[in-house]
Amino acid sequence: MSADVDPLLYLGGVTLLFFFWVYGIVAFVRDLRGRYLPALRQYRRGRAVEQEREEREREREERERQLY
C-alpha cells in the first residue's frame, strides 16, 4: 500500500509547489506591470519636466545677466 501512495504524494507535493511557484511569477509580473512600471514612467516624466524647468531658469538668468 505504501508503494502506491508514495508516488502520488510526491506528485501531489511537486504539483502544489509548482502551482505556488507559477503563481508567484504571475503575481510578480502583475505587480511589475501595475505598480512599478507606471511609477518608473512617472519618475522619468518628472525628471524630464524638472530638467526643462532648470533649462528655462538658466536661460532666464542668462538673459537677465545680459541685460545688466
N, C-alpha and C. Protein backbone atom coordinates (compact mmCIF):
# COMPACT_ATOMS: atom_id res chain seq x y z
N MET A 1 0.82 -1.19 0.00
CA MET A 1 0.00 0.00 0.00
C MET A 1 0.87 1.26 0.00
N SER A 2 1.93 1.27 0.79
CA SER A 2 2.80 2.42 0.88
C SER A 2 3.48 2.72 -0.45
N ALA A 3 3.76 1.67 -1.22
CA ALA A 3 4.42 1.86 -2.51
C ALA A 3 3.49 2.57 -3.49
N ASP A 4 2.19 2.40 -3.34
CA ASP A 4 1.24 3.06 -4.23
C ASP A 4 1.01 4.51 -3.84
N VAL A 5 1.10 4.82 -2.57
CA VAL A 5 0.79 6.15 -2.07
C VAL A 5 1.99 7.09 -2.22
N ASP A 6 3.20 6.62 -2.05
CA ASP A 6 4.39 7.48 -2.09
C ASP A 6 4.52 8.26 -3.40
N PRO A 7 4.40 7.61 -4.56
CA PRO A 7 4.50 8.39 -5.80
C PRO A 7 3.37 9.42 -5.94
N LEU A 8 2.18 9.09 -5.46
CA LEU A 8 1.08 10.05 -5.53
C LEU A 8 1.31 11.24 -4.62
N LEU A 9 1.83 10.99 -3.41
CA LEU A 9 2.16 12.10 -2.51
C LEU A 9 3.26 12.98 -3.10
N TYR A 10 4.26 12.35 -3.67
CA TYR A 10 5.36 13.09 -4.29
C TYR A 10 4.83 13.94 -5.45
N LEU A 11 4.04 13.34 -6.31
CA LEU A 11 3.48 14.06 -7.46
C LEU A 11 2.57 15.19 -6.99
N GLY A 12 1.77 14.92 -5.97
CA GLY A 12 0.89 15.97 -5.44
C GLY A 12 1.68 17.11 -4.83
N GLY A 13 2.73 16.78 -4.09
CA GLY A 13 3.56 17.82 -3.48
C GLY A 13 4.28 18.65 -4.53
N VAL A 14 4.82 18.00 -5.54
CA VAL A 14 5.52 18.73 -6.60
C VAL A 14 4.53 19.61 -7.36
N THR A 15 3.35 19.10 -7.62
CA THR A 15 2.33 19.89 -8.32
C THR A 15 1.94 21.11 -7.50
N LEU A 16 1.76 20.92 -6.20
CA LEU A 16 1.40 22.03 -5.33
C LEU A 16 2.52 23.09 -5.30
N LEU A 17 3.75 22.66 -5.16
CA LEU A 17 4.86 23.61 -5.16
C LEU A 17 4.99 24.32 -6.50
N PHE A 18 4.78 23.58 -7.60
CA PHE A 18 4.83 24.19 -8.92
C PHE A 18 3.75 25.24 -9.07
N PHE A 19 2.55 24.95 -8.56
CA PHE A 19 1.45 25.90 -8.62
C PHE A 19 1.83 27.21 -7.93
N PHE A 20 2.37 27.12 -6.71
CA PHE A 20 2.73 28.34 -5.98
C PHE A 20 3.91 29.06 -6.64
N TRP A 21 4.81 28.31 -7.27
CA TRP A 21 5.93 28.92 -7.98
C TRP A 21 5.41 29.74 -9.17
N VAL A 22 4.51 29.13 -9.95
CA VAL A 22 3.93 29.83 -11.10
C VAL A 22 3.10 31.02 -10.63
N TYR A 23 2.33 30.82 -9.57
CA TYR A 23 1.52 31.91 -9.04
C TYR A 23 2.41 33.08 -8.61
N GLY A 24 3.55 32.80 -8.01
CA GLY A 24 4.47 33.85 -7.61
C GLY A 24 5.01 34.62 -8.80
N ILE A 25 5.34 33.91 -9.87
CA ILE A 25 5.83 34.58 -11.08
C ILE A 25 4.74 35.46 -11.68
N VAL A 26 3.52 34.94 -11.76
CA VAL A 26 2.41 35.71 -12.32
C VAL A 26 2.13 36.94 -11.45
N ALA A 27 2.16 36.78 -10.15
CA ALA A 27 1.92 37.91 -9.25
C ALA A 27 3.02 38.96 -9.41
N PHE A 28 4.25 38.52 -9.57
CA PHE A 28 5.35 39.46 -9.76
C PHE A 28 5.18 40.25 -11.06
N VAL A 29 4.82 39.56 -12.13
CA VAL A 29 4.61 40.25 -13.42
C VAL A 29 3.45 41.22 -13.31
N ARG A 30 2.39 40.82 -12.63
CA ARG A 30 1.23 41.70 -12.46
C ARG A 30 1.62 42.94 -11.65
N ASP A 31 2.39 42.76 -10.58
CA ASP A 31 2.85 43.90 -9.79
C ASP A 31 3.78 44.79 -10.61
N LEU A 32 4.62 44.17 -11.39
CA LEU A 32 5.55 44.92 -12.22
C LEU A 32 4.78 45.81 -13.19
N ARG A 33 3.79 45.24 -13.86
CA ARG A 33 3.03 46.00 -14.84
C ARG A 33 2.11 47.02 -14.19
N GLY A 34 1.55 46.69 -13.04
CA GLY A 34 0.55 47.56 -12.44
C GLY A 34 1.09 48.59 -11.48
N ARG A 35 2.26 48.35 -10.92
CA ARG A 35 2.77 49.25 -9.88
C ARG A 35 4.12 49.85 -10.25
N TYR A 36 5.07 49.02 -10.60
CA TYR A 36 6.44 49.51 -10.76
C TYR A 36 6.68 50.21 -12.09
N LEU A 37 6.14 49.71 -13.18
CA LEU A 37 6.34 50.38 -14.46
C LEU A 37 5.65 51.74 -14.51
N PRO A 38 4.39 51.88 -14.04
CA PRO A 38 3.82 53.23 -14.00
C PRO A 38 4.60 54.18 -13.10
N ALA A 39 5.10 53.69 -11.98
CA ALA A 39 5.89 54.54 -11.09
C ALA A 39 7.18 54.97 -11.79
N LEU A 40 7.80 54.06 -12.51
CA LEU A 40 9.03 54.39 -13.24
C LEU A 40 8.74 55.41 -14.33
N ARG A 41 7.64 55.24 -15.05
CA ARG A 41 7.28 56.21 -16.09
C ARG A 41 7.02 57.59 -15.50
N GLN A 42 6.30 57.63 -14.38
CA GLN A 42 6.02 58.90 -13.72
C GLN A 42 7.32 59.56 -13.25
N TYR A 43 8.23 58.78 -12.72
CA TYR A 43 9.51 59.31 -12.27
C TYR A 43 10.28 59.93 -13.45
N ARG A 44 10.29 59.19 -14.57
CA ARG A 44 11.03 59.70 -15.73
C ARG A 44 10.39 60.96 -16.29
N ARG A 45 9.03 61.02 -16.29
CA ARG A 45 8.36 62.24 -16.75
C ARG A 45 8.68 63.40 -15.82
N GLY A 46 8.69 63.13 -14.52
CA GLY A 46 9.01 64.18 -13.56
C GLY A 46 10.43 64.70 -13.73
N ARG A 47 11.36 63.78 -14.01
CA ARG A 47 12.74 64.20 -14.24
C ARG A 47 12.84 65.06 -15.50
N ALA A 48 12.11 64.69 -16.54
CA ALA A 48 12.15 65.46 -17.79
C ALA A 48 11.57 66.86 -17.56
N VAL A 49 10.47 66.95 -16.83
CA VAL A 49 9.86 68.25 -16.54
C VAL A 49 10.83 69.09 -15.71
N GLU A 50 11.47 68.47 -14.73
CA GLU A 50 12.43 69.19 -13.89
C GLU A 50 13.61 69.71 -14.71
N GLN A 51 14.11 68.91 -15.63
CA GLN A 51 15.22 69.34 -16.48
C GLN A 51 14.81 70.51 -17.37
N GLU A 52 13.59 70.44 -17.92
CA GLU A 52 13.09 71.56 -18.75
C GLU A 52 12.97 72.83 -17.91
N ARG A 53 12.48 72.69 -16.69
CA ARG A 53 12.32 73.84 -15.81
C ARG A 53 13.69 74.44 -15.49
N GLU A 54 14.66 73.61 -15.20
CA GLU A 54 16.01 74.11 -14.91
C GLU A 54 16.61 74.80 -16.13
N GLU A 55 16.37 74.25 -17.31
CA GLU A 55 16.90 74.85 -18.54
C GLU A 55 16.26 76.23 -18.77
N ARG A 56 14.96 76.34 -18.57
CA ARG A 56 14.29 77.64 -18.72
C ARG A 56 14.83 78.64 -17.70
N GLU A 57 15.05 78.17 -16.46
CA GLU A 57 15.57 79.05 -15.42
C GLU A 57 16.98 79.54 -15.77
N ARG A 58 17.81 78.63 -16.28
CA ARG A 58 19.16 79.03 -16.69
C ARG A 58 19.12 80.07 -17.82
N GLU A 59 18.23 79.83 -18.79
CA GLU A 59 18.11 80.78 -19.90
C GLU A 59 17.62 82.14 -19.41
N ARG A 60 16.66 82.14 -18.48
CA ARG A 60 16.14 83.39 -17.93
C ARG A 60 17.23 84.14 -17.18
N GLU A 61 18.01 83.43 -16.38
CA GLU A 61 19.10 84.07 -15.63
C GLU A 61 20.15 84.62 -16.59
N GLU A 62 20.43 83.89 -17.66
CA GLU A 62 21.41 84.36 -18.62
C GLU A 62 20.92 85.63 -19.31
N ARG A 63 19.63 85.67 -19.68
CA ARG A 63 19.08 86.88 -20.29
C ARG A 63 19.13 88.05 -19.32
N GLU A 64 18.85 87.79 -18.05
CA GLU A 64 18.91 88.87 -17.05
C GLU A 64 20.32 89.41 -16.92
N ARG A 65 21.31 88.51 -16.92
CA ARG A 65 22.71 88.95 -16.81
C ARG A 65 23.11 89.77 -18.03
N GLN A 66 22.60 89.42 -19.20
CA GLN A 66 22.95 90.17 -20.40
C GLN A 66 22.32 91.57 -20.39
N LEU A 67 21.17 91.68 -19.75
CA LEU A 67 20.51 93.00 -19.69
C LEU A 67 21.26 93.97 -18.79
N TYR A 68 21.93 93.48 -17.77
CA TYR A 68 22.62 94.37 -16.83
C TYR A 68 24.05 94.59 -17.19
